[in-house]
């Protein structure tokens, strides 16, 4: 009798869940009995959806419903609170599975060479996003003491950071915002949030829905500057957005509608600046400002400096200029690209495929594209894996319970799908118990030990 084909997927975010679901379906079609375990370093699943999407994005978080359905029938087994490379090595994992797929995403901020970034008051967006999403491995307190704040970047993460900073905390209570985050934001003295982009308004990387939502934040005025518009070559048919067509025109109309608005005198303002290249963070002992060089189109699809410099007084700087992957111990890693080197999903070491190792999602291709793009990406990786199926070496310890016995012998407090259901119910109960005027869907539990204890029924929950 042919033994089951055992596969470990490392990372229970959208990329990992899509990979497991596609493998389950395609293996069945090919007559292969695939047994899939989904490993997650955190106690709860969903990765980017739970810990990387702003809490006031219910439409994006709605993807959770689809991911839930993929895991709820038990054909892909969830094993959480396990760090591959620490709690179990890759070699040990390969002794238990025929193949391992890495879907660990991109969780670090991209490196920026900008003088003054070391100063107190300078932050990476990835850390701030983790804080306001209640990631268990970041400090529970965030230093929100700046009246004027700068956000560097013209992508959706920059908008998320700016919106969360500017939004009145009471308007976040309908979300799953953790209590400590709400308390921190409520004490913030912020008045002005400035978002800076190197290029012009035609090259913004926002999606229309993200941009439109920005103008719907209660009690916040949007401020645009006439000098950032109408430059030579500055229209929706030029620059990197030339191929975007109608999407670019929609965003141009949104920006123009804001230019036509009269200020309301709102207590908080969100400023959008274009054609600004950061050159230095100012300050001696802490951030006191930012210096920019104004830019312009270079006529060849790029930008160039104009030699005009301008300073802005701010007390905090958030850089939202991209994410990069984190190495997994004993797995090849391209430090320059921030990815696991691969050929269509097959992990490469010095240009040669590593038998049994695969990658998918942002750790495979870099942090580009929206969440839905990971489906086609996972499909390519699974196609390569199934092509290799017959040639993969037999796992020395392939039994269904072998990995659970391994963790028990190491004293690893892993969590399961049933544990996630218990934690999910607990968080929803906390929301239902909220004694306020708004209805809260849930209140996130932040500490890791508390999440694990609730998941493993080590504490009594109702």
Protein backbone atom coordinates (compact mmCIF):
# COMPACT_ATOMS: atom_id res chain seq x y z
CA UNK A 1 0.00 0.00 0.00
CA UNK A 2 1.36 3.45 -0.94
CA UNK A 3 2.07 5.63 2.03
CA UNK A 4 0.42 9.07 2.28
CA UNK A 5 2.33 12.00 0.79
CA UNK A 6 3.12 14.19 3.79
CA UNK A 7 3.74 17.91 3.24
CA UNK A 8 4.52 20.65 5.77
CA UNK A 9 3.54 24.23 4.93
CA UNK A 10 5.35 26.82 7.08
CA UNK A 11 3.20 29.90 7.55
CA UNK A 12 -0.58 30.02 8.12
CA UNK A 13 -1.26 33.32 6.42
CA UNK A 14 -3.11 33.58 3.08
CA UNK A 15 -0.12 32.25 1.09
CA UNK A 16 0.24 29.15 3.25
CA UNK A 17 -3.49 28.42 3.46
CA UNK A 18 -3.94 28.86 -0.30
CA UNK A 19 -0.97 26.54 -0.91
CA UNK A 20 -2.42 23.87 1.38
CA UNK A 21 -5.86 24.11 -0.17
CA UNK A 22 -4.57 23.98 -3.76
CA UNK A 23 -2.30 21.04 -2.93
CA UNK A 24 -5.20 19.15 -1.34
CA UNK A 25 -7.37 19.66 -4.42
CA UNK A 26 -4.79 18.96 -7.11
CA UNK A 27 -3.29 15.98 -5.29
CA UNK A 28 -6.74 14.39 -5.03
CA UNK A 29 -7.28 14.96 -8.75
CA UNK A 30 -3.97 13.20 -9.42
CA UNK A 31 -4.84 10.27 -7.14
CA UNK A 32 -2.27 11.27 -4.50
CA UNK A 33 -3.17 10.89 -0.83
CA UNK A 34 -1.73 14.19 0.45
CA UNK A 35 -1.60 14.81 4.21
CA UNK A 36 -0.87 18.47 4.91
CA UNK A 37 0.21 20.13 8.15
CA UNK A 38 0.18 23.93 8.35
CA UNK A 39 2.73 25.35 10.79
CA UNK A 40 2.41 28.84 12.27
CA UNK A 41 4.83 30.63 14.58
CA UNK A 42 1.94 32.50 16.24
CA UNK A 43 -0.79 30.84 18.31
CA UNK A 44 -3.51 31.96 15.84
CA UNK A 45 -3.80 31.55 12.06
CA UNK A 46 -4.31 34.05 9.21
CA UNK A 47 -0.96 35.87 9.37
CA UNK A 48 -1.17 39.12 7.41
CA UNK A 49 -4.95 39.28 7.76
CA UNK A 50 -4.80 39.19 11.56
CA UNK A 51 -1.53 41.07 12.10
CA UNK A 52 -0.86 43.12 8.97
CA UNK A 53 -4.15 44.71 7.90
CA UNK A 54 -5.43 47.86 9.59
CA UNK A 55 -8.27 47.08 12.02
CA UNK A 56 -10.70 49.40 10.19
CA UNK A 57 -10.59 47.36 6.97
CA UNK A 58 -13.48 44.92 7.40
CA UNK A 59 -13.78 44.28 3.65
CA UNK A 60 -10.20 43.04 3.45
CA UNK A 61 -10.56 41.11 6.69
CA UNK A 62 -13.58 39.42 5.10
CA UNK A 63 -11.03 37.18 3.39
CA UNK A 64 -10.88 35.40 6.74
CA UNK A 65 -14.24 33.79 5.97
CA UNK A 66 -12.76 32.12 2.89
CA UNK A 67 -9.60 31.07 4.74
CA UNK A 68 -11.70 29.71 7.61
CA UNK A 69 -13.65 27.51 5.19
CA UNK A 70 -10.40 26.09 3.79
CA UNK A 71 -9.28 24.95 7.24
CA UNK A 72 -12.54 24.06 8.92
CA UNK A 73 -12.99 20.56 7.47
CA UNK A 74 -9.71 19.36 9.02
CA UNK A 75 -8.12 18.09 5.81
CA UNK A 76 -5.32 20.61 6.38
CA UNK A 77 -4.12 20.34 9.98
CA UNK A 78 -3.08 23.52 11.82
CA UNK A 79 -0.16 23.40 14.27
CA UNK A 80 0.39 26.83 15.82
CA UNK A 81 2.83 28.46 18.25
CA UNK A 82 5.73 26.60 16.61
CA UNK A 83 8.80 28.40 15.30
CA UNK A 84 10.47 26.46 12.49
CA UNK A 85 14.20 26.88 12.90
CA UNK A 86 13.89 27.07 16.70
CA UNK A 87 11.26 24.65 18.07
CA UNK A 88 12.00 22.29 15.20
CA UNK A 89 14.85 22.48 12.69
CA UNK A 90 14.35 22.19 8.95
CA UNK A 91 16.28 18.89 8.98
CA UNK A 92 13.95 17.54 11.67
CA UNK A 93 10.97 18.73 9.66
CA UNK A 94 12.26 16.94 6.58
CA UNK A 95 12.59 13.75 8.59
CA UNK A 96 8.82 13.91 9.17
CA UNK A 97 7.60 15.11 5.76
CA UNK A 98 8.31 14.40 2.12
CA UNK A 99 8.25 18.10 1.26
CA UNK A 100 8.27 21.47 3.01
CA UNK A 101 6.74 24.66 1.57
CA UNK A 102 7.82 27.98 3.08
CA UNK A 103 5.13 30.67 3.11
CA UNK A 104 6.62 32.89 5.81
CA UNK A 105 5.87 36.22 4.12
CA UNK A 106 7.71 39.52 4.53
CA UNK A 107 7.61 40.95 8.02
CA UNK A 108 10.57 43.35 8.23
CA UNK A 109 10.83 46.93 7.03
CA UNK A 110 12.97 47.52 3.97
CA UNK A 111 16.37 49.04 4.68
CA UNK A 112 16.65 52.79 4.00
CA UNK A 113 19.92 54.73 3.86
CA UNK A 114 18.79 58.03 5.31
CA UNK A 115 20.82 60.10 7.80
CA UNK A 116 19.07 60.47 11.15
CA UNK A 117 16.92 57.35 10.99
CA UNK A 118 18.56 56.16 14.22
CA UNK A 119 17.04 59.01 16.23
CA UNK A 120 14.30 58.36 18.80
CA UNK A 121 11.00 59.10 17.12
CA UNK A 122 11.94 57.28 13.91
CA UNK A 123 9.95 54.09 13.32
CA UNK A 124 9.40 51.38 10.75
CA UNK A 125 5.84 50.87 9.55
CA UNK A 126 6.06 47.10 10.02
CA UNK A 127 6.61 47.48 13.77
CA UNK A 128 3.83 50.04 14.13
CA UNK A 129 1.39 47.89 12.16
CA UNK A 130 2.27 44.93 14.40
CA UNK A 131 1.60 47.09 17.45
CA UNK A 132 -1.80 48.39 16.39
CA UNK A 133 -2.82 44.91 15.24
CA UNK A 134 -1.95 43.38 18.61
CA UNK A 135 0.99 41.20 17.56
CA UNK A 136 2.10 39.31 20.68
CA UNK A 137 5.83 39.77 20.07
CA UNK A 138 5.99 43.59 20.07
CA UNK A 139 5.85 45.86 23.14
CA UNK A 140 2.33 46.73 24.25
CA UNK A 141 3.20 50.43 24.62
CA UNK A 142 3.95 52.69 21.65
CA UNK A 143 5.43 56.20 22.09
CA UNK A 144 2.64 58.35 20.66
CA UNK A 145 3.74 61.80 21.80
CA UNK A 146 4.19 63.76 18.56
CA UNK A 147 1.73 66.51 17.48
CA UNK A 148 3.23 66.53 13.95
CA UNK A 149 4.05 63.22 12.25
CA UNK A 150 5.57 62.29 8.87
CA UNK A 151 4.88 59.08 6.94
CA UNK A 152 7.26 58.23 4.09
CA UNK A 153 5.71 56.24 1.26
CA UNK A 154 2.90 56.32 -1.28
CA UNK A 155 1.50 52.79 -0.92
CA UNK A 156 -1.43 51.30 0.96
CA UNK A 157 0.66 50.64 4.09
CA UNK A 158 1.54 54.34 4.25
CA UNK A 159 -2.15 55.19 4.02
CA UNK A 160 -3.02 52.67 6.73
CA UNK A 161 -0.40 54.09 9.08
CA UNK A 162 -1.45 57.67 8.39
CA UNK A 163 -5.14 56.90 8.80
CA UNK A 164 -4.69 55.04 12.10
CA UNK A 165 -2.54 57.90 13.44
CA UNK A 166 -5.03 60.58 12.39
CA UNK A 167 -8.29 58.79 13.10
CA UNK A 168 -10.14 59.56 16.31
CA UNK A 169 -9.83 56.45 18.51
CA UNK A 170 -13.55 56.30 19.26
CA UNK A 171 -14.12 55.56 15.56
CA UNK A 172 -11.98 52.42 15.89
CA UNK A 173 -14.05 50.83 18.65
CA UNK A 174 -16.23 48.98 16.15
CA UNK A 175 -13.14 47.06 15.00
CA UNK A 176 -11.07 44.34 16.69
CA UNK A 177 -8.58 46.88 18.03
CA UNK A 178 -6.90 45.65 21.25
CA UNK A 179 -7.64 47.61 24.42
CA UNK A 180 -4.02 48.71 24.92
CA UNK A 181 -3.89 50.09 21.37
CA UNK A 182 -7.11 52.04 21.81
CA UNK A 183 -5.80 53.51 25.07
CA UNK A 184 -2.51 54.49 23.42
CA UNK A 185 -4.18 56.17 20.46
CA UNK A 186 -6.66 57.95 22.75
CA UNK A 187 -3.76 59.62 24.57
CA UNK A 188 -2.03 60.74 21.35
CA UNK A 189 -1.63 64.53 20.91
CA UNK A 190 -1.42 64.24 17.11
CA UNK A 191 -2.70 67.19 15.09
CA UNK A 192 -1.05 66.85 11.67
CA UNK A 193 -0.04 63.72 9.76
CA UNK A 194 2.01 64.35 6.61
CA UNK A 195 2.36 61.65 3.91
CA UNK A 196 5.27 62.18 1.51
CA UNK A 197 5.89 60.57 -1.89
CA UNK A 198 8.93 60.94 -4.17
CA UNK A 199 6.83 60.96 -7.33
CA UNK A 200 3.77 62.84 -8.49
CA UNK A 201 0.08 62.23 -7.87
CA UNK A 202 -0.20 60.13 -11.06
CA UNK A 203 2.24 57.56 -9.65
CA UNK A 204 0.67 56.86 -6.27
CA UNK A 205 0.54 53.16 -5.35
CA UNK A 206 -2.71 53.34 -3.42
CA UNK A 207 -5.75 51.42 -4.55
CA UNK A 208 -8.86 53.55 -5.22
CA UNK A 209 -10.80 52.08 -2.33
CA UNK A 210 -7.96 52.84 0.12
CA UNK A 211 -7.70 56.40 -1.18
CA UNK A 212 -11.44 57.01 -1.07
CA UNK A 213 -11.67 55.73 2.52
CA UNK A 214 -9.07 58.28 3.56
CA UNK A 215 -11.43 61.12 2.74
CA UNK A 216 -14.23 59.57 4.80
CA UNK A 217 -12.44 59.70 8.16
CA UNK A 218 -14.62 61.75 10.54
CA UNK A 219 -13.07 64.83 12.14
CA UNK A 220 -10.03 64.89 9.82
CA UNK A 221 -9.39 67.39 7.03
CA UNK A 222 -7.46 66.28 3.93
CA UNK A 223 -4.91 68.88 2.80
CA UNK A 224 -3.37 68.99 -0.69
CA UNK A 225 -0.97 71.52 -2.15
CA UNK A 226 -1.41 73.24 -5.51
CA UNK A 227 2.34 73.26 -6.19
CA UNK A 228 2.29 69.43 -6.27
CA UNK A 229 -0.11 69.41 -9.24
CA UNK A 230 0.11 70.54 -12.85
CA UNK A 231 3.83 69.95 -13.38
CA UNK A 232 5.03 69.28 -16.94
CA UNK A 233 4.15 65.70 -17.84
CA UNK A 234 2.09 65.39 -14.66
CA UNK A 235 -1.15 63.72 -15.78
CA UNK A 236 -2.84 60.35 -15.51
CA UNK A 237 -1.43 59.09 -18.82
CA UNK A 238 2.23 59.31 -17.80
CA UNK A 239 4.55 57.68 -15.31
CA UNK A 240 4.25 54.23 -13.84
CA UNK A 241 0.45 54.49 -13.78
CA UNK A 242 0.18 54.87 -17.55
CA UNK A 243 -1.11 51.29 -17.90
CA UNK A 244 -3.54 51.61 -15.01
CA UNK A 245 -6.11 53.43 -17.18
CA UNK A 246 -9.44 53.90 -15.46
CA UNK A 247 -8.02 53.20 -12.00
CA UNK A 248 -5.63 56.13 -12.35
CA UNK A 249 -8.42 58.37 -13.56
CA UNK A 250 -10.59 57.41 -10.57
CA UNK A 251 -7.81 58.33 -8.17
CA UNK A 252 -7.16 61.58 -10.03
CA UNK A 253 -10.84 62.48 -9.60
CA UNK A 254 -10.66 61.67 -5.88
CA UNK A 255 -7.62 63.90 -5.41
CA UNK A 256 -9.26 66.71 -7.38
CA UNK A 257 -12.41 66.48 -5.25
CA UNK A 258 -10.28 67.00 -2.16
CA UNK A 259 -8.57 69.99 -3.75
CA UNK A 260 -12.01 71.51 -4.26
CA UNK A 261 -13.06 70.99 -0.64
CA UNK A 262 -13.15 73.82 1.85
CA UNK A 263 -11.36 73.12 5.17
CA UNK A 264 -13.79 72.33 7.97
CA UNK A 265 -11.54 73.35 10.85
CA UNK A 266 -11.29 69.73 12.01
CA UNK A 267 -8.96 69.17 14.98
CA UNK A 268 -6.77 66.83 12.93
CA UNK A 269 -5.36 67.20 9.43
CA UNK A 270 -3.92 64.65 7.02
CA UNK A 271 -1.58 66.22 4.43
CA UNK A 272 -0.63 64.54 1.15
CA UNK A 273 2.65 65.77 -0.35
CA UNK A 274 4.08 64.76 -3.74
CA UNK A 275 7.44 65.34 -5.46
CA UNK A 276 9.33 65.11 -2.14
CA UNK A 277 12.49 63.02 -1.80
CA UNK A 278 13.65 62.62 1.82
CA UNK A 279 17.33 63.45 2.33
CA UNK A 280 17.74 63.71 6.11
CA UNK A 281 15.94 63.25 9.41
CA UNK A 282 16.71 66.33 11.50
CA UNK A 283 17.49 66.43 15.19
CA UNK A 284 20.31 65.84 17.69
CA UNK A 285 18.75 63.76 20.44
CA UNK A 286 15.36 63.04 18.89
CA UNK A 287 13.48 63.72 15.67
CA UNK A 288 12.69 67.41 15.21
CA UNK A 289 12.10 67.58 11.47
CA UNK A 290 12.60 66.22 7.97
CA UNK A 291 14.50 67.69 5.02
CA UNK A 292 13.38 66.96 1.47
CA UNK A 293 14.57 67.75 -2.01
CA UNK A 294 11.76 68.63 -4.39
CA UNK A 295 11.67 66.38 -7.46
CA UNK A 296 10.28 66.58 -10.98
CA UNK A 297 9.75 64.25 -13.98
CA UNK A 298 12.99 63.50 -15.84
CA UNK A 299 11.25 62.94 -19.17
CA UNK A 300 12.14 59.25 -19.26
CA UNK A 301 9.60 57.86 -16.80
CA UNK A 302 11.69 58.63 -13.71
CA UNK A 303 12.33 61.58 -11.43
CA UNK A 304 15.23 63.91 -10.72
CA UNK A 305 16.07 66.37 -8.01
CA UNK A 306 15.45 70.06 -8.60
CA UNK A 307 18.05 71.35 -6.14
CA UNK A 308 15.27 72.93 -4.07
CA UNK A 309 15.22 71.81 -0.44
CA UNK A 310 12.46 72.22 2.11
CA UNK A 311 12.22 71.38 5.81
CA UNK A 312 9.17 70.26 7.78
CA UNK A 313 8.85 70.35 11.54
CA UNK A 314 7.79 66.93 12.81
CA UNK A 315 8.50 64.96 15.96
CA UNK A 316 8.05 61.45 14.56
CA UNK A 317 8.81 59.72 11.26
CA UNK A 318 7.29 56.44 10.00
CA UNK A 319 8.90 54.84 6.97
CA UNK A 320 6.42 52.81 4.90
CA UNK A 321 8.52 52.10 1.86
CA UNK A 322 8.21 48.34 1.66
CA UNK A 323 8.69 45.06 3.50
CA UNK A 324 11.28 42.33 3.18
CA UNK A 325 11.43 38.68 4.18
CA UNK A 326 13.12 37.18 7.23
CA UNK A 327 15.58 34.27 6.85
CA UNK A 328 14.60 30.84 8.13
CA UNK A 329 17.48 29.06 9.82
CA UNK A 330 19.24 26.55 7.52
CA UNK A 331 17.24 27.64 4.45
CA UNK A 332 19.00 29.47 1.58
CA UNK A 333 18.24 33.21 1.63
CA UNK A 334 18.88 36.08 -0.76
CA UNK A 335 19.67 38.95 1.60
CA UNK A 336 19.70 41.53 -1.18
CA UNK A 337 16.23 40.61 -2.39
CA UNK A 338 14.83 39.58 0.99
CA UNK A 339 13.50 36.31 -0.45
CA UNK A 340 14.24 32.59 -0.53
CA UNK A 341 15.96 32.01 -3.90
CA UNK A 342 13.78 29.79 -6.05
CA UNK A 343 12.84 28.72 -9.54
CA UNK A 344 9.07 28.80 -9.86
CA UNK A 345 8.81 27.79 -6.21
CA UNK A 346 11.63 25.22 -6.04
CA UNK A 347 14.15 26.45 -3.45
CA UNK A 348 17.62 26.97 -4.90
CA UNK A 349 21.03 26.73 -3.24
CA UNK A 350 23.83 28.11 -5.42
CA UNK A 351 21.49 27.81 -8.37
CA UNK A 352 20.61 24.15 -7.78
CA UNK A 353 17.21 22.91 -6.50
CA UNK A 354 17.14 21.69 -2.90
CA UNK A 355 15.17 18.41 -2.91
CA UNK A 356 11.91 18.69 -1.00
CA UNK A 357 12.03 22.44 -0.27
CA UNK A 358 9.63 24.95 -1.87
CA UNK A 359 8.49 28.55 -1.38
CA UNK A 360 5.36 30.56 -2.07
CA UNK A 361 3.96 34.04 -1.40
CA UNK A 362 6.04 37.08 -0.52
CA UNK A 363 9.00 35.03 0.71
CA UNK A 364 9.11 33.61 -2.83
CA UNK A 365 8.58 36.71 -4.97
CA UNK A 366 8.95 39.71 -2.65
CA UNK A 367 6.25 41.94 -1.12
CA UNK A 368 4.42 42.88 -4.30
CA UNK A 369 0.81 42.38 -5.31
CA UNK A 370 -2.38 42.13 -3.32
CA UNK A 371 -3.51 39.23 -1.12
CA UNK A 372 -5.46 37.62 -3.94
CA UNK A 373 -2.32 37.38 -6.08
CA UNK A 374 -0.99 34.69 -3.76
CA UNK A 375 -3.47 32.19 -5.20
CA UNK A 376 -1.84 32.04 -8.64
CA UNK A 377 1.57 32.16 -6.99
CA UNK A 378 0.71 29.15 -4.82
CA UNK A 379 -0.64 27.33 -7.87
CA UNK A 380 2.74 27.59 -9.59
CA UNK A 381 4.58 26.24 -6.55
CA UNK A 382 2.16 23.34 -6.12
CA UNK A 383 2.55 22.48 -9.80
CA UNK A 384 6.33 22.15 -9.30
CA UNK A 385 5.84 20.09 -6.13
CA UNK A 386 3.52 17.62 -7.83
CA UNK A 387 5.91 17.34 -10.78
CA UNK A 388 8.58 16.27 -8.25
CA UNK A 389 6.29 14.02 -6.22
CA UNK A 390 7.53 10.67 -7.50
CA UNK A 391 11.20 11.59 -7.09
CA UNK A 392 11.02 12.93 -3.52
CA UNK A 393 12.74 10.88 -0.85
CA UNK A 394 10.65 8.95 1.66
CA UNK A 395 10.38 10.68 5.04
CA UNK A 396 12.13 8.55 7.73
CA UNK A 397 9.33 9.21 10.24
CA UNK A 398 6.16 9.82 8.23
CA UNK A 399 3.53 8.83 10.80
CA UNK A 400 0.52 11.09 11.37
CA UNK A 401 1.24 11.52 15.08
CA UNK A 402 5.04 11.57 14.85
CA UNK A 403 5.27 15.37 14.72
CA UNK A 404 2.92 15.80 17.69
CA UNK A 405 4.95 13.28 19.68
CA UNK A 406 8.08 15.24 18.72
CA UNK A 407 6.68 18.49 20.14
CA UNK A 408 5.43 16.73 23.27
CA UNK A 409 8.95 15.40 23.87
CA UNK A 410 10.33 18.94 23.52
CA UNK A 411 7.70 20.51 25.76
CA UNK A 412 6.41 22.74 22.95
CA UNK A 413 2.95 24.15 23.75
CA UNK A 414 1.51 24.02 20.27
CA UNK A 415 -2.01 25.10 19.35
CA UNK A 416 -4.55 23.56 16.97
CA UNK A 417 -7.55 24.51 14.83
CA UNK A 418 -9.87 23.58 17.70
CA UNK A 419 -7.77 25.86 19.91
CA UNK A 420 -8.20 28.72 17.45
CA UNK A 421 -11.96 28.23 17.56
CA UNK A 422 -11.81 28.54 21.35
CA UNK A 423 -9.69 31.71 21.16
CA UNK A 424 -11.94 33.15 18.45
CA UNK A 425 -15.02 32.55 20.59
CA UNK A 426 -13.30 34.11 23.61
CA UNK A 427 -12.37 37.28 21.70
CA UNK A 428 -15.91 37.60 20.36
CA UNK A 429 -17.26 37.21 23.90
CA UNK A 430 -14.98 40.04 25.05
CA UNK A 431 -16.47 42.21 22.32
CA UNK A 432 -20.02 41.29 23.34
CA UNK A 433 -19.22 42.20 26.94
CA UNK A 434 -18.05 45.71 26.01
CA UNK A 435 -20.07 48.18 28.06
CA UNK A 436 -20.22 51.02 25.56
CA UNK A 437 -22.48 52.59 22.97
CA UNK A 438 -20.92 50.76 20.01
CA UNK A 439 -21.08 47.10 19.06
CA UNK A 440 -17.65 45.46 19.06
CA UNK A 441 -17.13 42.37 16.92
CA UNK A 442 -14.27 41.18 19.11
CA UNK A 443 -11.48 42.37 21.36
CA UNK A 444 -8.13 40.86 20.45
CA UNK A 445 -6.18 38.98 23.09
CA UNK A 446 -2.57 40.18 22.76
CA UNK A 447 -0.20 38.25 25.11
CA UNK A 448 1.11 35.04 23.57
CA UNK A 449 0.87 33.00 26.77
CA UNK A 450 -2.74 34.06 27.23
CA UNK A 451 -3.60 33.11 23.65
CA UNK A 452 -1.98 29.69 24.11
CA UNK A 453 -3.67 29.12 27.46
CA UNK A 454 -7.12 29.92 26.05
CA UNK A 455 -6.47 27.82 22.93
CA UNK A 456 -5.37 24.82 24.99
CA UNK A 457 -8.20 25.18 27.53
CA UNK A 458 -5.72 25.89 30.29
CA UNK A 459 -8.02 28.68 31.50
CA UNK A 460 -11.78 28.68 31.84
CA UNK A 461 -13.56 30.65 29.14
CA UNK A 462 -17.24 31.01 28.46
